[in-house]
Amino acid sequence: MKFDVFATRLKTLRSSRRLTLLQVGDAVRYSLKTIGNLENRRQPPSLNMVLVLANFFDVSIDYLVGREDYNAIHNKHNAPCLKNSEVKGLADRKTLNPDVFASRLRELRLAKRLILRNVGDAVGCHMKTIGNLENANKTPSLGVILALADFFGVSVDYLVGWTDCKADANDSGDETDSPSSSTGTERKKLVELFEDLRGEDIDKVLDYIDFLRYGQQRGNRKEQKR
């Protein structure tokens, strides 16, 4: 995910509907400051932020995070102007469906005849984490879910249960597009570096690193395709 693409699209979607930062923040239950920070690239989004914003603006998750350039759900050039009275209640907090996500992750892994360790090494997670995700015992971070979508060549919307269409708009069919196993090794080294932090703090640091790495990887792949 490219931070600048997400920030630009978020701002464009808000502006096209003539909404203020406060209106969007109130609708999706985040502060005005948080929405402003997201638009100005001062704060990386969490998975929940991306989900509620995509739901609120009626766009695909893949479009909002820059995995696809055309949004089939909503044409931003024809976005309606919303009145103050129409904004309240538009965000119904459509989020990750943990059972559907767990089931689809397992199906995708088994279809490729992979073990938990294979997937974990590919996306930079411990095999236990992948197992917990498949058993709906853990919620994935944004970085992990984007890496999983890339690895399996499916859309994020499919993984989280928002659509039954597997197609990834940016899937070129090239095996090299999948995250390399070296990503998993690098992530484990980072865990060791931050071992003195509390578990939740380590997760935040790693999520941000996943976020930055993912954006760089997709940027490099687009340059190679030109």
C-alpha atoms as a PDB file:
ATOM      1  CA  MET A   1       0.000   0.000   0.000  1.00  0.00           C
ATOM      2  CA  LYS A   2       1.301   3.432  -0.931  1.00  0.00           C
ATOM      3  CA  PHE A   3       0.724   5.914   1.852  1.00  0.00           C
ATOM      4  CA  ASP A   4       0.491   8.871  -0.558  1.00  0.00           C
ATOM      5  CA  VAL A   5      -2.075   7.113  -2.783  1.00  0.00           C
ATOM      6  CA  PHE A   6      -4.293   6.301   0.188  1.00  0.00           C
ATOM      7  CA  ALA A   7      -4.005   9.861   1.533  1.00  0.00           C
ATOM      8  CA  THR A   8      -4.751  11.423  -1.859  1.00  0.00           C
ATOM      9  CA  ARG A   9      -7.757   9.216  -2.531  1.00  0.00           C
ATOM     10  CA  LEU A  10      -9.166   9.801   0.933  1.00  0.00           C
ATOM     11  CA  LYS A  11      -8.935  13.568   0.474  1.00  0.00           C
ATOM     12  CA  THR A  12     -10.387  13.393  -3.053  1.00  0.00           C
ATOM     13  CA  LEU A  13     -13.329  11.302  -1.911  1.00  0.00           C
ATOM     14  CA  ARG A  14     -14.076  13.691   0.939  1.00  0.00           C
ATOM     15  CA  SER A  15     -13.718  16.807  -1.232  1.00  0.00           C
ATOM     16  CA  SER A  16     -15.866  15.374  -4.022  1.00  0.00           C
ATOM     17  CA  ARG A  17     -18.714  15.054  -1.550  1.00  0.00           C
ATOM     18  CA  ARG A  18     -18.042  18.497  -0.072  1.00  0.00           C
ATOM     19  CA  LEU A  19     -17.626  17.093   3.399  1.00  0.00           C
ATOM     20  CA  THR A  20     -15.516  18.587   6.160  1.00  0.00           C
ATOM     21  CA  LEU A  21     -12.980  16.652   8.202  1.00  0.00           C
ATOM     22  CA  LEU A  22     -15.337  16.905  11.157  1.00  0.00           C
ATOM     23  CA  GLN A  23     -18.278  15.453   9.212  1.00  0.00           C
ATOM     24  CA  VAL A  24     -16.257  12.468   8.049  1.00  0.00           C
ATOM     25  CA  GLY A  25     -14.753  11.974  11.493  1.00  0.00           C
ATOM     26  CA  ASP A  26     -18.162  12.025  13.170  1.00  0.00           C
ATOM     27  CA  ALA A  27     -19.603   9.610  10.607  1.00  0.00           C
ATOM     28  CA  VAL A  28     -16.844   7.015  10.961  1.00  0.00           C
ATOM     29  CA  ARG A  29     -16.278   7.665  14.672  1.00  0.00           C
ATOM     30  CA  TYR A  30     -12.753   9.011  14.459  1.00  0.00           C
ATOM     31  CA  SER A  31     -11.581  12.458  15.508  1.00  0.00           C
ATOM     32  CA  LEU A  32     -11.180  15.385  13.121  1.00  0.00           C
ATOM     33  CA  LYS A  33      -7.459  15.312  13.911  1.00  0.00           C
ATOM     34  CA  THR A  34      -7.173  11.638  12.924  1.00  0.00           C
ATOM     35  CA  ILE A  35      -8.834  12.175   9.539  1.00  0.00           C
ATOM     36  CA  GLY A  36      -6.620  15.200   8.940  1.00  0.00           C
ATOM     37  CA  ASN A  37      -3.504  13.214   9.861  1.00  0.00           C
ATOM     38  CA  LEU A  38      -4.489  10.449   7.437  1.00  0.00           C
ATOM     39  CA  GLU A  39      -4.997  12.933   4.596  1.00  0.00           C
ATOM     40  CA  ASN A  40      -1.703  14.690   5.333  1.00  0.00           C
ATOM     41  CA  ARG A  41       0.333  11.469   5.596  1.00  0.00           C
ATOM     42  CA  ARG A  42       1.113  12.030   9.262  1.00  0.00           C
ATOM     43  CA  GLN A  43      -0.513   8.804  10.430  1.00  0.00           C
ATOM     44  CA  PRO A  44      -0.710   5.359   8.787  1.00  0.00           C
ATOM     45  CA  PRO A  45      -4.200   3.850   8.757  1.00  0.00           C
ATOM     46  CA  SER A  46      -5.137   0.738  10.683  1.00  0.00           C
ATOM     47  CA  LEU A  47      -7.147  -2.058   9.082  1.00  0.00           C
ATOM     48  CA  ASN A  48     -10.300  -0.885  10.830  1.00  0.00           C
ATOM     49  CA  MET A  49      -9.795   2.688   9.583  1.00  0.00           C
ATOM     50  CA  VAL A  50      -9.478   1.505   5.997  1.00  0.00           C
ATOM     51  CA  LEU A  51     -12.552  -0.702   6.292  1.00  0.00           C
ATOM     52  CA  VAL A  52     -14.864   1.934   7.766  1.00  0.00           C
ATOM     53  CA  LEU A  53     -13.660   4.625   5.343  1.00  0.00           C
ATOM     54  CA  ALA A  54     -14.112   2.373   2.306  1.00  0.00           C
ATOM     55  CA  ASN A  55     -17.560   1.476   3.560  1.00  0.00           C
ATOM     56  CA  PHE A  56     -18.487   5.099   4.242  1.00  0.00           C
ATOM     57  CA  PHE A  57     -17.358   6.345   0.821  1.00  0.00           C
ATOM     58  CA  ASP A  58     -18.806   3.291  -0.938  1.00  0.00           C
ATOM     59  CA  VAL A  59     -15.545   2.299  -2.609  1.00  0.00           C
ATOM     60  CA  SER A  60     -13.634  -0.962  -2.730  1.00  0.00           C
ATOM     61  CA  ILE A  61     -10.887  -1.483  -0.183  1.00  0.00           C
ATOM     62  CA  ASP A  62      -8.449  -2.251  -2.994  1.00  0.00           C
ATOM     63  CA  TYR A  63      -9.191   1.103  -4.629  1.00  0.00           C
ATOM     64  CA  LEU A  64      -8.765   3.078  -1.416  1.00  0.00           C
ATOM     65  CA  VAL A  65      -5.385   1.522  -0.570  1.00  0.00           C
ATOM     66  CA  GLY A  66      -4.075   1.820  -4.133  1.00  0.00           C
ATOM     67  CA  ARG A  67      -4.149  -1.831  -5.189  1.00  0.00           C
ATOM     68  CA  GLU A  68      -6.396  -0.965  -8.136  1.00  0.00           C
ATOM     69  CA  ASP A  69      -6.798   2.264 -10.069  1.00  0.00           C
ATOM     70  CA  TYR A  70     -10.429   1.909 -11.088  1.00  0.00           C
ATOM     71  CA  ASN A  71     -13.180   1.739  -8.541  1.00  0.00           C
ATOM     72  CA  ALA A  72     -16.071  -0.274  -9.926  1.00  0.00           C
ATOM     73  CA  ILE A  73     -18.270   0.377  -6.902  1.00  0.00           C
ATOM     74  CA  HIS A  74     -18.430   4.136  -7.143  1.00  0.00           C
ATOM     75  CA  ASN A  75     -17.343   6.674  -9.764  1.00  0.00           C
ATOM     76  CA  LYS A  76     -15.695   9.465  -7.793  1.00  0.00           C
ATOM     77  CA  HIS A  77     -16.273  11.972 -10.600  1.00  0.00           C
ATOM     78  CA  ASN A  78     -20.029  11.612 -10.133  1.00  0.00           C
ATOM     79  CA  ALA A  79     -19.961  11.572  -6.357  1.00  0.00           C
ATOM     80  CA  PRO A  80     -22.992  13.258  -4.806  1.00  0.00           C
ATOM     81  CA  CYS A  81     -22.785  16.280  -2.584  1.00  0.00           C
ATOM     82  CA  LEU A  82     -24.103  15.284   0.831  1.00  0.00           C
ATOM     83  CA  LYS A  83     -26.005  17.598   3.139  1.00  0.00           C
ATOM     84  CA  ASN A  84     -25.243  17.722   6.842  1.00  0.00           C
ATOM     85  CA  SER A  85     -28.472  15.893   7.628  1.00  0.00           C
ATOM     86  CA  GLU A  86     -27.518  13.070   5.255  1.00  0.00           C
ATOM     87  CA  VAL A  87     -24.072  12.401   6.668  1.00  0.00           C
ATOM     88  CA  LYS A  88     -25.082  11.082  10.087  1.00  0.00           C
ATOM     89  CA  GLY A  89     -25.541   7.330  10.111  1.00  0.00           C
ATOM     90  CA  LEU A  90     -24.040   6.657   6.681  1.00  0.00           C
ATOM     91  CA  ALA A  91     -21.164   4.669   8.134  1.00  0.00           C
ATOM     92  CA  ASP A  92     -22.594   1.398   9.400  1.00  0.00           C
ATOM     93  CA  ARG A  93     -19.174   0.148  10.550  1.00  0.00           C
ATOM     94  CA  LYS A  94     -19.026  -2.678   8.046  1.00  0.00           C
ATOM     95  CA  THR A  95     -15.841  -4.397   9.126  1.00  0.00           C
ATOM     96  CA  LEU A  96     -13.910  -7.608   8.765  1.00  0.00           C
ATOM     97  CA  ASN A  97     -15.987 -10.782   8.873  1.00  0.00           C
ATOM     98  CA  PRO A  98     -13.612 -12.964  10.956  1.00  0.00           C
ATOM     99  CA  ASP A  99     -15.259 -16.283  10.117  1.00  0.00           C
ATOM    100  CA  VAL A 100     -15.346 -15.620   6.372  1.00  0.00           C
ATOM    101  CA  PHE A 101     -11.765 -14.324   6.421  1.00  0.00           C
ATOM    102  CA  ALA A 102     -10.573 -17.386   8.358  1.00  0.00           C
ATOM    103  CA  SER A 103     -12.369 -19.767   6.003  1.00  0.00           C
ATOM    104  CA  ARG A 104     -11.081 -18.080   2.846  1.00  0.00           C
ATOM    105  CA  LEU A 105      -7.510 -17.903   4.110  1.00  0.00           C
ATOM    106  CA  ARG A 106      -7.552 -21.628   4.845  1.00  0.00           C
ATOM    107  CA  GLU A 107      -9.130 -22.462   1.466  1.00  0.00           C
ATOM    108  CA  LEU A 108      -6.527 -20.401  -0.396  1.00  0.00           C
ATOM    109  CA  ARG A 109      -3.673 -22.040   1.509  1.00  0.00           C
ATOM    110  CA  LEU A 110      -4.950 -25.583   0.964  1.00  0.00           C
ATOM    111  CA  ALA A 111      -5.625 -24.889  -2.726  1.00  0.00           C
ATOM    112  CA  LYS A 112      -1.914 -24.132  -3.117  1.00  0.00           C
ATOM    113  CA  ARG A 113      -0.991 -27.146  -0.965  1.00  0.00           C
ATOM    114  CA  LEU A 114       0.936 -25.004   1.480  1.00  0.00           C
ATOM    115  CA  ILE A 115       1.542 -25.519   5.167  1.00  0.00           C
ATOM    116  CA  LEU A 116       1.157 -22.768   7.747  1.00  0.00           C
ATOM    117  CA  ARG A 117       4.903 -22.160   7.830  1.00  0.00           C
ATOM    118  CA  ASN A 118       5.019 -21.548   4.050  1.00  0.00           C
ATOM    119  CA  VAL A 119       2.428 -18.799   4.282  1.00  0.00           C
ATOM    120  CA  GLY A 120       3.923 -17.325   7.428  1.00  0.00           C
ATOM    121  CA  ASP A 121       7.397 -17.099   5.892  1.00  0.00           C
ATOM    122  CA  ALA A 122       5.963 -15.493   2.744  1.00  0.00           C
ATOM    123  CA  VAL A 123       4.125 -12.705   4.516  1.00  0.00           C
ATOM    124  CA  GLY A 124       6.436 -12.202   7.485  1.00  0.00           C
ATOM    125  CA  CYS A 125       4.426 -13.902  10.239  1.00  0.00           C
ATOM    126  CA  HIS A 126       4.993 -16.824  12.567  1.00  0.00           C
ATOM    127  CA  MET A 127       3.156 -19.985  11.542  1.00  0.00           C
ATOM    128  CA  LYS A 128       1.239 -19.760  14.830  1.00  0.00           C
ATOM    129  CA  THR A 129      -0.136 -16.377  13.736  1.00  0.00           C
ATOM    130  CA  ILE A 130      -1.415 -17.833  10.465  1.00  0.00           C
ATOM    131  CA  GLY A 131      -2.989 -20.675  12.414  1.00  0.00           C
ATOM    132  CA  ASN A 132      -4.708 -18.210  14.740  1.00  0.00           C
ATOM    133  CA  LEU A 133      -5.982 -16.255  11.739  1.00  0.00           C
ATOM    134  CA  GLU A 134      -7.405 -19.419  10.181  1.00  0.00           C
ATOM    135  CA  ASN A 135      -9.143 -20.272  13.448  1.00  0.00           C
ATOM    136  CA  ALA A 136     -10.569 -16.745  13.805  1.00  0.00           C
ATOM    137  CA  ASN A 137      -8.616 -16.296  17.033  1.00  0.00           C
ATOM    138  CA  LYS A 138      -6.728 -13.221  15.844  1.00  0.00           C
ATOM    139  CA  THR A 139      -7.483 -10.135  13.762  1.00  0.00           C
ATOM    140  CA  PRO A 140      -4.933  -9.454  10.996  1.00  0.00           C
ATOM    141  CA  SER A 141      -3.071  -6.168  10.757  1.00  0.00           C
ATOM    142  CA  LEU A 142      -3.403  -4.067   7.610  1.00  0.00           C
ATOM    143  CA  GLY A 143       0.121  -4.960   6.517  1.00  0.00           C
ATOM    144  CA  VAL A 144      -0.495  -8.688   6.903  1.00  0.00           C
ATOM    145  CA  ILE A 145      -3.824  -8.697   5.082  1.00  0.00           C
ATOM    146  CA  LEU A 146      -2.351  -6.731   2.160  1.00  0.00           C
ATOM    147  CA  ALA A 147       0.576  -9.139   1.994  1.00  0.00           C
ATOM    148  CA  LEU A 148      -1.813 -12.115   2.034  1.00  0.00           C
ATOM    149  CA  ALA A 149      -3.881 -10.631  -0.797  1.00  0.00           C
ATOM    150  CA  ASP A 150      -0.709 -10.138  -2.848  1.00  0.00           C
ATOM    151  CA  PHE A 151       0.624 -13.595  -2.061  1.00  0.00           C
ATOM    152  CA  PHE A 152      -2.572 -15.399  -3.028  1.00  0.00           C
ATOM    153  CA  GLY A 153      -3.406 -13.044  -5.916  1.00  0.00           C
ATOM    154  CA  VAL A 154      -6.861 -12.090  -4.642  1.00  0.00           C
ATOM    155  CA  SER A 155      -8.574  -8.829  -3.779  1.00  0.00           C
ATOM    156  CA  VAL A 156      -8.632  -7.548  -0.224  1.00  0.00           C
ATOM    157  CA  ASP A 157     -12.416  -7.197  -0.542  1.00  0.00           C
ATOM    158  CA  TYR A 158     -12.621 -10.945  -1.164  1.00  0.00           C
ATOM    159  CA  LEU A 159     -10.399 -11.806   1.796  1.00  0.00           C
ATOM    160  CA  VAL A 160     -12.419  -9.744   4.277  1.00  0.00           C
ATOM    161  CA  GLY A 161     -15.733 -11.086   3.018  1.00  0.00           C
ATOM    162  CA  TRP A 162     -17.064  -8.025   1.199  1.00  0.00           C
ATOM    163  CA  THR A 163     -17.330  -9.769  -2.168  1.00  0.00           C
ATOM    164  CA  ASP A 164     -17.331 -13.281  -3.597  1.00  0.00           C
ATOM    165  CA  CYS A 165     -15.130 -12.227  -6.512  1.00  0.00           C
ATOM    166  CA  LYS A 166     -11.549 -13.380  -5.988  1.00  0.00           C
ATOM    167  CA  ALA A 167     -10.048 -11.346  -8.818  1.00  0.00           C
ATOM    168  CA  ASP A 168      -7.137  -9.083  -7.976  1.00  0.00           C
ATOM    169  CA  ALA A 169      -7.153  -6.174 -10.445  1.00  0.00           C
ATOM    170  CA  ASN A 170      -3.365  -5.971 -10.269  1.00  0.00           C
ATOM    171  CA  ASP A 171      -2.609  -9.692 -10.479  1.00  0.00           C
ATOM    172  CA  SER A 172      -0.227 -10.179 -13.394  1.00  0.00           C
ATOM    173  CA  GLY A 173       0.131 -13.911 -12.870  1.00  0.00           C
ATOM    174  CA  ASP A 174       3.837 -13.448 -12.184  1.00  0.00           C
ATOM    175  CA  GLU A 175       5.023 -15.576  -9.285  1.00  0.00           C
ATOM    176  CA  THR A 176       7.629 -12.941  -8.430  1.00  0.00           C
ATOM    177  CA  ASP A 177       4.874 -10.603  -7.292  1.00  0.00           C
ATOM    178  CA  SER A 178       4.446 -12.583  -4.089  1.00  0.00           C
ATOM    179  CA  PRO A 179       6.356 -11.372  -1.018  1.00  0.00           C
ATOM    180  CA  SER A 180       9.618 -13.277  -0.697  1.00  0.00           C
ATOM    181  CA  SER A 181      10.397 -15.560   2.193  1.00  0.00           C
ATOM    182  CA  SER A 182      13.158 -13.117   3.201  1.00  0.00           C
ATOM    183  CA  THR A 183      10.393 -10.799   4.422  1.00  0.00           C
ATOM    184  CA  GLY A 184       9.557 -13.284   7.173  1.00  0.00           C
ATOM    185  CA  THR A 185      13.201 -13.508   8.270  1.00  0.00           C
ATOM    186  CA  GLU A 186      13.512  -9.720   8.373  1.00  0.00           C
ATOM    187  CA  ARG A 187      10.356  -9.439  10.457  1.00  0.00           C
ATOM    188  CA  LYS A 188      11.625 -11.977  13.004  1.00  0.00           C
ATOM    189  CA  LYS A 189      14.867 -10.005  13.342  1.00  0.00           C
ATOM    190  CA  LEU A 190      12.851  -6.875  14.043  1.00  0.00           C
ATOM    191  CA  VAL A 191      10.940  -8.695  16.774  1.00  0.00           C
ATOM    192  CA  GLU A 192      14.258  -9.491  18.458  1.00  0.00           C
ATOM    193  CA  LEU A 193      15.357  -5.839  18.220  1.00  0.00           C
ATOM    194  CA  PHE A 194      12.191  -4.670  19.970  1.00  0.00           C
ATOM    195  CA  GLU A 195      11.974  -7.521  22.470  1.00  0.00           C
ATOM    196  CA  ASP A 196      12.057  -5.111  25.423  1.00  0.00           C
ATOM    197  CA  LEU A 197       8.796  -3.487  24.322  1.00  0.00           C
ATOM    198  CA  ARG A 198       5.380  -4.720  25.405  1.00  0.00           C
ATOM    199  CA  GLY A 199       3.654  -7.101  23.016  1.00  0.00           C
ATOM    200  CA  GLU A 200       1.098  -4.550  21.852  1.00  0.00           C
ATOM    201  CA  ASP A 201       3.840  -1.981  21.170  1.00  0.00           C
ATOM    202  CA  ILE A 202       5.782  -4.489  19.093  1.00  0.00           C
ATOM    203  CA  ASP A 203       2.656  -5.133  17.024  1.00  0.00           C
ATOM    204  CA  LYS A 204       2.257  -1.402  16.355  1.00  0.00           C
ATOM    205  CA  VAL A 205       5.890  -1.041  15.244  1.00  0.00           C
ATOM    206  CA  LEU A 206       5.696  -4.100  12.997  1.00  0.00           C
ATOM    207  CA  ASP A 207       2.380  -2.991  11.500  1.00  0.00           C
ATOM    208  CA  TYR A 208       3.935   0.327  10.526  1.00  0.00           C
ATOM    209  CA  ILE A 209       6.993  -1.387   9.044  1.00  0.00           C
ATOM    210  CA  ASP A 210       4.700  -3.754   7.089  1.00  0.00           C
ATOM    211  CA  PHE A 211       2.797  -0.713   5.869  1.00  0.00           C
ATOM    212  CA  LEU A 212       5.957   1.040   4.619  1.00  0.00           C
ATOM    213  CA  ARG A 213       7.474  -2.119   3.103  1.00  0.00           C
ATOM    214  CA  TYR A 214       4.272  -2.992   1.277  1.00  0.00           C
ATOM    215  CA  GLY A 215       4.112   0.432  -0.355  1.00  0.00           C
ATOM    216  CA  GLN A 216       7.723   0.148  -1.502  1.00  0.00           C
ATOM    217  CA  GLN A 217       7.203  -3.348  -2.932  1.00  0.00           C
ATOM    218  CA  ARG A 218       4.167  -2.333  -4.985  1.00  0.00           C
ATOM    219  CA  GLY A 219       5.981   0.767  -6.224  1.00  0.00           C
ATOM    220  CA  ASN A 220       8.927  -1.323  -7.392  1.00  0.00           C
ATOM    221  CA  ARG A 221       6.648  -3.774  -9.205  1.00  0.00           C
ATOM    222  CA  LYS A 222       4.838  -0.962 -11.042  1.00  0.00           C
ATOM    223  CA  GLU A 223       8.181   0.469 -12.165  1.00  0.00           C
ATOM    224  CA  GLN A 224       9.254  -2.940 -13.508  1.00  0.00           C
ATOM    225  CA  LYS A 225       6.034  -3.260 -15.535  1.00  0.00           C
ATOM    226  CA  ARG A 226       6.591   0.070 -17.334  1.00  0.00           C
END
